[in-house]
Amino acid sequence: MKLINKIFFSLLILSCFLIAFLLSFVVAYNDDGFYKKQFEENKAYEGLGKGEVDDFYTEMREYLDGDGELISFSEREKLHLVDVKYLINMAYLVFYFALGVFVLILIFLIAKKNYKLLSKGLIYSGLAVFGVVFLFFILSFLDFNWLFTGFHLVSFDNDLWLLPANSRLIQMFPSEFFFDIFGRILSYAGGFGIVMFAGGYVLKKKVLEKIHYRKKLK
């Protein structure tokens, strides 16, 4: 494989990998129905009151997604949400960057009619995504607290995420919430991985075989 093809192949796999997981995060993060179901299942509505929880959630989302102000939370919670907002913005930034790289590579490979590299890249991307999803599913069931703690230690450079048990954020988002949303993100990513693998496989079997058949006729 030529150097330029190796570079495109690596970038294709990396961009697909990032898109699968970050798009899964974006979908799960923006599912308001999931949050409200969790508030009910984890008894946040029961402990704080449905009206207050919905108001707290709306206030938090308006801050995380735009220019809203945090009024109802403690100072430590506000500082932690500043970090959370930065992390979410970075996730969106990397997602759009990866998507742009993928589109450019896709256009280039199609223009060059390099369907072999494209199909191989999609197949390998799907396998990589599915492999990581499988690994994290196993780890999450073995010791989710270890994963949860490790994620925070890597993602934040402070201990503001260590909130008291009676804080609004902890009552609204207990460990059960993060276990469920993590599982949902992994499920979505696994689905995207299957789509990538299937797309690469179909491209390999249908398009490349058709091209090979036409060459034989000539």
C-alpha atoms as a PDB file:
ATOM      1  CA  MET A   1       0.000   0.000   0.000  1.00  0.00           C
ATOM      2  CA  LYS A   2       1.409   3.373  -1.008  1.00  0.00           C
ATOM      3  CA  LEU A   3       2.118   5.950   1.680  1.00  0.00           C
ATOM      4  CA  ILE A   4      -0.736   8.238   0.577  1.00  0.00           C
ATOM      5  CA  ASN A   5      -3.148   5.303   0.671  1.00  0.00           C
ATOM      6  CA  LYS A   6      -1.928   4.344   4.145  1.00  0.00           C
ATOM      7  CA  ILE A   7      -2.551   7.885   5.342  1.00  0.00           C
ATOM      8  CA  PHE A   8      -6.064   7.982   3.873  1.00  0.00           C
ATOM      9  CA  PHE A   9      -6.783   4.500   5.218  1.00  0.00           C
ATOM     10  CA  SER A  10      -5.713   5.486   8.750  1.00  0.00           C
ATOM     11  CA  LEU A  11      -7.642   8.776   8.642  1.00  0.00           C
ATOM     12  CA  LEU A  12     -10.729   6.981   7.340  1.00  0.00           C
ATOM     13  CA  ILE A  13     -10.692   4.495  10.222  1.00  0.00           C
ATOM     14  CA  LEU A  14      -9.978   7.185  12.834  1.00  0.00           C
ATOM     15  CA  SER A  15     -12.704   9.521  11.534  1.00  0.00           C
ATOM     16  CA  CYS A  16     -15.264   6.703  11.351  1.00  0.00           C
ATOM     17  CA  PHE A  17     -14.338   5.567  14.860  1.00  0.00           C
ATOM     18  CA  LEU A  18     -14.745   9.067  16.293  1.00  0.00           C
ATOM     19  CA  ILE A  19     -17.985   9.669  14.386  1.00  0.00           C
ATOM     20  CA  ALA A  20     -19.520   6.428  15.687  1.00  0.00           C
ATOM     21  CA  PHE A  21     -18.901   7.227  19.346  1.00  0.00           C
ATOM     22  CA  LEU A  22     -19.378  10.991  19.275  1.00  0.00           C
ATOM     23  CA  LEU A  23     -22.561  10.797  17.206  1.00  0.00           C
ATOM     24  CA  SER A  24     -23.833   8.221  19.703  1.00  0.00           C
ATOM     25  CA  PHE A  25     -23.061  10.682  22.492  1.00  0.00           C
ATOM     26  CA  VAL A  26     -24.839  13.515  20.662  1.00  0.00           C
ATOM     27  CA  VAL A  27     -27.953  11.400  20.098  1.00  0.00           C
ATOM     28  CA  ALA A  28     -28.081  10.215  23.718  1.00  0.00           C
ATOM     29  CA  TYR A  29     -27.272  13.656  25.117  1.00  0.00           C
ATOM     30  CA  ASN A  30     -30.148  15.291  23.226  1.00  0.00           C
ATOM     31  CA  ASP A  31     -32.782  12.693  24.106  1.00  0.00           C
ATOM     32  CA  ASP A  32     -34.959  14.658  26.554  1.00  0.00           C
ATOM     33  CA  GLY A  33     -37.373  11.759  26.904  1.00  0.00           C
ATOM     34  CA  PHE A  34     -34.575   9.567  28.230  1.00  0.00           C
ATOM     35  CA  TYR A  35     -33.709  12.109  30.939  1.00  0.00           C
ATOM     36  CA  LYS A  36     -37.294  12.408  32.122  1.00  0.00           C
ATOM     37  CA  LYS A  37     -37.662   8.635  32.221  1.00  0.00           C
ATOM     38  CA  GLN A  38     -34.480   8.441  34.302  1.00  0.00           C
ATOM     39  CA  PHE A  39     -35.708  11.122  36.688  1.00  0.00           C
ATOM     40  CA  GLU A  40     -38.752   8.994  37.329  1.00  0.00           C
ATOM     41  CA  GLU A  41     -36.948   5.645  37.576  1.00  0.00           C
ATOM     42  CA  ASN A  42     -34.194   7.007  39.844  1.00  0.00           C
ATOM     43  CA  LYS A  43     -36.766   8.794  42.061  1.00  0.00           C
ATOM     44  CA  ALA A  44     -35.457  12.297  41.428  1.00  0.00           C
ATOM     45  CA  TYR A  45     -39.042  13.427  40.886  1.00  0.00           C
ATOM     46  CA  GLU A  46     -39.997  11.820  44.168  1.00  0.00           C
ATOM     47  CA  GLY A  47     -37.143  13.364  46.138  1.00  0.00           C
ATOM     48  CA  LEU A  48     -37.076  16.903  44.735  1.00  0.00           C
ATOM     49  CA  GLY A  49     -40.504  17.255  43.164  1.00  0.00           C
ATOM     50  CA  LYS A  50     -41.338  16.912  39.475  1.00  0.00           C
ATOM     51  CA  GLY A  51     -41.781  20.645  38.856  1.00  0.00           C
ATOM     52  CA  GLU A  52     -38.461  21.527  40.474  1.00  0.00           C
ATOM     53  CA  VAL A  53     -36.518  18.773  38.699  1.00  0.00           C
ATOM     54  CA  ASP A  54     -37.926  19.841  35.331  1.00  0.00           C
ATOM     55  CA  ASP A  55     -37.024  23.455  36.086  1.00  0.00           C
ATOM     56  CA  PHE A  56     -33.499  22.508  37.206  1.00  0.00           C
ATOM     57  CA  TYR A  57     -33.046  20.389  34.079  1.00  0.00           C
ATOM     58  CA  THR A  58     -34.250  23.179  31.779  1.00  0.00           C
ATOM     59  CA  GLU A  59     -31.958  25.686  33.477  1.00  0.00           C
ATOM     60  CA  MET A  60     -28.985  23.336  33.185  1.00  0.00           C
ATOM     61  CA  ARG A  61     -29.613  22.548  29.516  1.00  0.00           C
ATOM     62  CA  GLU A  62     -30.055  26.194  28.603  1.00  0.00           C
ATOM     63  CA  TYR A  63     -26.650  26.832  30.151  1.00  0.00           C
ATOM     64  CA  LEU A  64     -24.927  23.816  28.593  1.00  0.00           C
ATOM     65  CA  ASP A  65     -26.411  24.392  25.147  1.00  0.00           C
ATOM     66  CA  GLY A  66     -26.308  28.186  24.999  1.00  0.00           C
ATOM     67  CA  ASP A  67     -26.018  31.309  27.116  1.00  0.00           C
ATOM     68  CA  GLY A  68     -28.367  30.460  29.973  1.00  0.00           C
ATOM     69  CA  GLU A  69     -27.467  31.266  33.566  1.00  0.00           C
ATOM     70  CA  LEU A  70     -27.124  28.890  36.481  1.00  0.00           C
ATOM     71  CA  ILE A  71     -29.140  30.206  39.418  1.00  0.00           C
ATOM     72  CA  SER A  72     -30.533  27.214  41.270  1.00  0.00           C
ATOM     73  CA  PHE A  73     -27.308  25.272  41.772  1.00  0.00           C
ATOM     74  CA  SER A  74     -24.603  25.524  44.415  1.00  0.00           C
ATOM     75  CA  GLU A  75     -21.294  27.234  43.677  1.00  0.00           C
ATOM     76  CA  ARG A  76     -19.467  23.904  43.434  1.00  0.00           C
ATOM     77  CA  GLU A  77     -22.135  22.537  41.081  1.00  0.00           C
ATOM     78  CA  LYS A  78     -21.860  25.647  38.902  1.00  0.00           C
ATOM     79  CA  LEU A  79     -18.084  25.275  38.655  1.00  0.00           C
ATOM     80  CA  HIS A  80     -18.441  21.612  37.719  1.00  0.00           C
ATOM     81  CA  LEU A  81     -21.010  22.454  35.055  1.00  0.00           C
ATOM     82  CA  VAL A  82     -18.534  24.944  33.570  1.00  0.00           C
ATOM     83  CA  ASP A  83     -16.164  22.001  33.070  1.00  0.00           C
ATOM     84  CA  VAL A  84     -18.969  19.839  31.713  1.00  0.00           C
ATOM     85  CA  LYS A  85     -19.940  22.509  29.194  1.00  0.00           C
ATOM     86  CA  TYR A  86     -16.346  22.757  27.971  1.00  0.00           C
ATOM     87  CA  LEU A  87     -16.181  18.968  27.595  1.00  0.00           C
ATOM     88  CA  ILE A  88     -19.450  18.870  25.627  1.00  0.00           C
ATOM     89  CA  ASN A  89     -18.308  21.686  23.342  1.00  0.00           C
ATOM     90  CA  MET A  90     -15.056  19.829  22.688  1.00  0.00           C
ATOM     91  CA  ALA A  91     -16.999  16.667  21.862  1.00  0.00           C
ATOM     92  CA  TYR A  92     -19.069  18.567  19.305  1.00  0.00           C
ATOM     93  CA  LEU A  93     -15.947  20.215  17.864  1.00  0.00           C
ATOM     94  CA  VAL A  94     -14.128  16.894  17.419  1.00  0.00           C
ATOM     95  CA  PHE A  95     -17.277  15.313  15.974  1.00  0.00           C
ATOM     96  CA  TYR A  96     -17.675  17.981  13.287  1.00  0.00           C
ATOM     97  CA  PHE A  97     -13.956  17.873  12.513  1.00  0.00           C
ATOM     98  CA  ALA A  98     -14.038  14.073  12.141  1.00  0.00           C
ATOM     99  CA  LEU A  99     -17.160  14.325   9.984  1.00  0.00           C
ATOM    100  CA  GLY A 100     -15.435  16.876   7.749  1.00  0.00           C
ATOM    101  CA  VAL A 101     -12.370  14.654   7.388  1.00  0.00           C
ATOM    102  CA  PHE A 102     -14.569  11.665   6.546  1.00  0.00           C
ATOM    103  CA  VAL A 103     -16.503  13.585   3.880  1.00  0.00           C
ATOM    104  CA  LEU A 104     -13.298  14.850   2.256  1.00  0.00           C
ATOM    105  CA  ILE A 105     -11.779  11.354   2.211  1.00  0.00           C
ATOM    106  CA  LEU A 106     -15.031   9.926   0.844  1.00  0.00           C
ATOM    107  CA  ILE A 107     -15.120  12.474  -1.975  1.00  0.00           C
ATOM    108  CA  PHE A 108     -11.441  11.882  -2.788  1.00  0.00           C
ATOM    109  CA  LEU A 109     -11.733   8.075  -2.858  1.00  0.00           C
ATOM    110  CA  ILE A 110     -14.892   8.154  -4.972  1.00  0.00           C
ATOM    111  CA  ALA A 111     -13.310  10.657  -7.373  1.00  0.00           C
ATOM    112  CA  LYS A 112     -10.287   8.370  -7.679  1.00  0.00           C
ATOM    113  CA  LYS A 113     -12.596   5.344  -7.907  1.00  0.00           C
ATOM    114  CA  ASN A 114     -10.602   3.730  -5.120  1.00  0.00           C
ATOM    115  CA  TYR A 115     -13.519   1.661  -3.878  1.00  0.00           C
ATOM    116  CA  LYS A 116     -11.225  -1.079  -2.616  1.00  0.00           C
ATOM    117  CA  LEU A 117      -9.628   1.226  -0.031  1.00  0.00           C
ATOM    118  CA  LEU A 118     -13.009   2.681   0.891  1.00  0.00           C
ATOM    119  CA  SER A 119     -14.619  -0.716   1.459  1.00  0.00           C
ATOM    120  CA  LYS A 120     -11.626  -1.979   3.437  1.00  0.00           C
ATOM    121  CA  GLY A 121     -11.612   1.164   5.557  1.00  0.00           C
ATOM    122  CA  LEU A 122     -15.317   0.857   6.363  1.00  0.00           C
ATOM    123  CA  ILE A 123     -14.985  -2.832   7.246  1.00  0.00           C
ATOM    124  CA  TYR A 124     -12.015  -2.217   9.537  1.00  0.00           C
ATOM    125  CA  SER A 125     -13.777   0.785  11.100  1.00  0.00           C
ATOM    126  CA  GLY A 126     -16.844  -1.289  11.868  1.00  0.00           C
ATOM    127  CA  LEU A 127     -14.728  -4.029  13.429  1.00  0.00           C
ATOM    128  CA  ALA A 128     -12.770  -1.502  15.521  1.00  0.00           C
ATOM    129  CA  VAL A 129     -15.937   0.185  16.792  1.00  0.00           C
ATOM    130  CA  PHE A 130     -17.654  -3.096  17.567  1.00  0.00           C
ATOM    131  CA  GLY A 131     -14.546  -4.410  19.337  1.00  0.00           C
ATOM    132  CA  VAL A 132     -14.288  -1.360  21.604  1.00  0.00           C
ATOM    133  CA  VAL A 133     -18.035  -1.439  22.289  1.00  0.00           C
ATOM    134  CA  PHE A 134     -17.802  -5.090  23.300  1.00  0.00           C
ATOM    135  CA  LEU A 135     -14.819  -4.375  25.573  1.00  0.00           C
ATOM    136  CA  PHE A 136     -16.541  -1.485  27.343  1.00  0.00           C
ATOM    137  CA  PHE A 137     -19.759  -3.455  27.749  1.00  0.00           C
ATOM    138  CA  ILE A 138     -17.788  -6.157  29.559  1.00  0.00           C
ATOM    139  CA  LEU A 139     -15.884  -3.635  31.697  1.00  0.00           C
ATOM    140  CA  SER A 140     -19.034  -1.711  32.597  1.00  0.00           C
ATOM    141  CA  PHE A 141     -20.737  -4.819  33.914  1.00  0.00           C
ATOM    142  CA  LEU A 142     -17.627  -5.956  35.783  1.00  0.00           C
ATOM    143  CA  ASP A 143     -16.895  -2.621  37.484  1.00  0.00           C
ATOM    144  CA  PHE A 144     -18.728   0.460  36.221  1.00  0.00           C
ATOM    145  CA  ASN A 145     -17.533   2.575  39.158  1.00  0.00           C
ATOM    146  CA  TRP A 146     -13.946   2.031  38.041  1.00  0.00           C
ATOM    147  CA  LEU A 147     -14.811   3.223  34.530  1.00  0.00           C
ATOM    148  CA  PHE A 148     -16.827   6.146  35.869  1.00  0.00           C
ATOM    149  CA  THR A 149     -14.022   7.287  38.156  1.00  0.00           C
ATOM    150  CA  GLY A 150     -11.384   6.808  35.471  1.00  0.00           C
ATOM    151  CA  PHE A 151     -13.385   8.884  33.001  1.00  0.00           C
ATOM    152  CA  HIS A 152     -13.610  11.783  35.446  1.00  0.00           C
ATOM    153  CA  LEU A 153      -9.943  11.601  36.388  1.00  0.00           C
ATOM    154  CA  VAL A 154      -8.962  11.753  32.711  1.00  0.00           C
ATOM    155  CA  SER A 155     -11.556  14.354  31.661  1.00  0.00           C
ATOM    156  CA  PHE A 156     -11.254  16.840  34.532  1.00  0.00           C
ATOM    157  CA  ASP A 157      -8.211  18.427  36.143  1.00  0.00           C
ATOM    158  CA  ASN A 158      -9.987  19.042  39.455  1.00  0.00           C
ATOM    159  CA  ASP A 159     -12.207  17.246  41.979  1.00  0.00           C
ATOM    160  CA  LEU A 160     -15.296  19.416  41.501  1.00  0.00           C
ATOM    161  CA  TRP A 161     -17.152  16.364  40.216  1.00  0.00           C
ATOM    162  CA  LEU A 162     -17.005  14.903  43.741  1.00  0.00           C
ATOM    163  CA  LEU A 163     -20.277  16.392  44.938  1.00  0.00           C
ATOM    164  CA  PRO A 164     -22.128  15.746  48.204  1.00  0.00           C
ATOM    165  CA  ALA A 165     -24.913  13.180  48.106  1.00  0.00           C
ATOM    166  CA  ASN A 166     -27.567  15.838  48.825  1.00  0.00           C
ATOM    167  CA  SER A 167     -26.578  18.083  45.890  1.00  0.00           C
ATOM    168  CA  ARG A 168     -29.158  18.609  43.165  1.00  0.00           C
ATOM    169  CA  LEU A 169     -26.895  17.185  40.453  1.00  0.00           C
ATOM    170  CA  ILE A 170     -26.291  13.956  42.356  1.00  0.00           C
ATOM    171  CA  GLN A 171     -29.988  13.531  43.133  1.00  0.00           C
ATOM    172  CA  MET A 172     -30.894  14.163  39.493  1.00  0.00           C
ATOM    173  CA  PHE A 173     -28.000  12.199  38.016  1.00  0.00           C
ATOM    174  CA  PRO A 174     -27.005   9.294  40.299  1.00  0.00           C
ATOM    175  CA  SER A 175     -24.616   6.557  39.174  1.00  0.00           C
ATOM    176  CA  GLU A 176     -27.566   4.564  37.787  1.00  0.00           C
ATOM    177  CA  PHE A 177     -28.228   7.353  35.287  1.00  0.00           C
ATOM    178  CA  PHE A 178     -24.655   7.276  33.989  1.00  0.00           C
ATOM    179  CA  PHE A 179     -24.687   3.486  33.772  1.00  0.00           C
ATOM    180  CA  ASP A 180     -27.823   3.598  31.639  1.00  0.00           C
ATOM    181  CA  ILE A 181     -26.715   6.438  29.362  1.00  0.00           C
ATOM    182  CA  PHE A 182     -23.294   4.822  28.920  1.00  0.00           C
ATOM    183  CA  GLY A 183     -25.019   1.605  27.860  1.00  0.00           C
ATOM    184  CA  ARG A 184     -27.201   3.558  25.463  1.00  0.00           C
ATOM    185  CA  ILE A 185     -24.168   5.285  23.905  1.00  0.00           C
ATOM    186  CA  LEU A 186     -22.423   1.938  23.489  1.00  0.00           C
ATOM    187  CA  SER A 187     -25.547   0.434  21.896  1.00  0.00           C
ATOM    188  CA  TYR A 188     -25.798   3.292  19.402  1.00  0.00           C
ATOM    189  CA  ALA A 189     -22.075   3.054  18.628  1.00  0.00           C
ATOM    190  CA  GLY A 190     -22.385  -0.689  18.110  1.00  0.00           C
ATOM    191  CA  GLY A 191     -25.216  -0.045  15.655  1.00  0.00           C
ATOM    192  CA  PHE A 192     -23.120   2.476  13.750  1.00  0.00           C
ATOM    193  CA  GLY A 193     -20.249  -0.020  13.720  1.00  0.00           C
ATOM    194  CA  ILE A 194     -22.504  -2.650  12.164  1.00  0.00           C
ATOM    195  CA  VAL A 195     -23.680  -0.146   9.541  1.00  0.00           C
ATOM    196  CA  MET A 196     -20.060   0.702   8.675  1.00  0.00           C
ATOM    197  CA  PHE A 197     -19.088  -2.949   8.394  1.00  0.00           C
ATOM    198  CA  ALA A 198     -22.185  -3.787   6.326  1.00  0.00           C
ATOM    199  CA  GLY A 199     -21.599  -0.793   4.042  1.00  0.00           C
ATOM    200  CA  GLY A 200     -17.997  -1.823   3.436  1.00  0.00           C
ATOM    201  CA  TYR A 201     -18.966  -5.424   2.864  1.00  0.00           C
ATOM    202  CA  VAL A 202     -21.740  -4.557   0.387  1.00  0.00           C
ATOM    203  CA  LEU A 203     -19.397  -2.190  -1.434  1.00  0.00           C
ATOM    204  CA  LYS A 204     -16.787  -4.927  -1.659  1.00  0.00           C
ATOM    205  CA  LYS A 205     -19.179  -7.617  -2.836  1.00  0.00           C
ATOM    206  CA  LYS A 206     -21.399  -5.633  -5.178  1.00  0.00           C
ATOM    207  CA  VAL A 207     -19.459  -2.696  -6.584  1.00  0.00           C
ATOM    208  CA  LEU A 208     -15.979  -4.216  -6.713  1.00  0.00           C
ATOM    209  CA  GLU A 209     -17.227  -7.496  -8.144  1.00  0.00           C
ATOM    210  CA  LYS A 210     -19.151  -5.592 -10.794  1.00  0.00           C
ATOM    211  CA  ILE A 211     -16.031  -3.569 -11.701  1.00  0.00           C
ATOM    212  CA  HIS A 212     -13.967  -6.771 -11.853  1.00  0.00           C
ATOM    213  CA  TYR A 213     -16.579  -8.416 -14.074  1.00  0.00           C
ATOM    214  CA  ARG A 214     -16.580  -5.492 -16.491  1.00  0.00           C
ATOM    215  CA  LYS A 215     -12.797  -5.594 -16.704  1.00  0.00           C
ATOM    216  CA  LYS A 216     -12.953  -9.294 -17.566  1.00  0.00           C
ATOM    217  CA  LEU A 217     -15.403  -8.575 -20.393  1.00  0.00           C
ATOM    218  CA  LYS A 218     -12.930  -6.094 -21.888  1.00  0.00           C
END
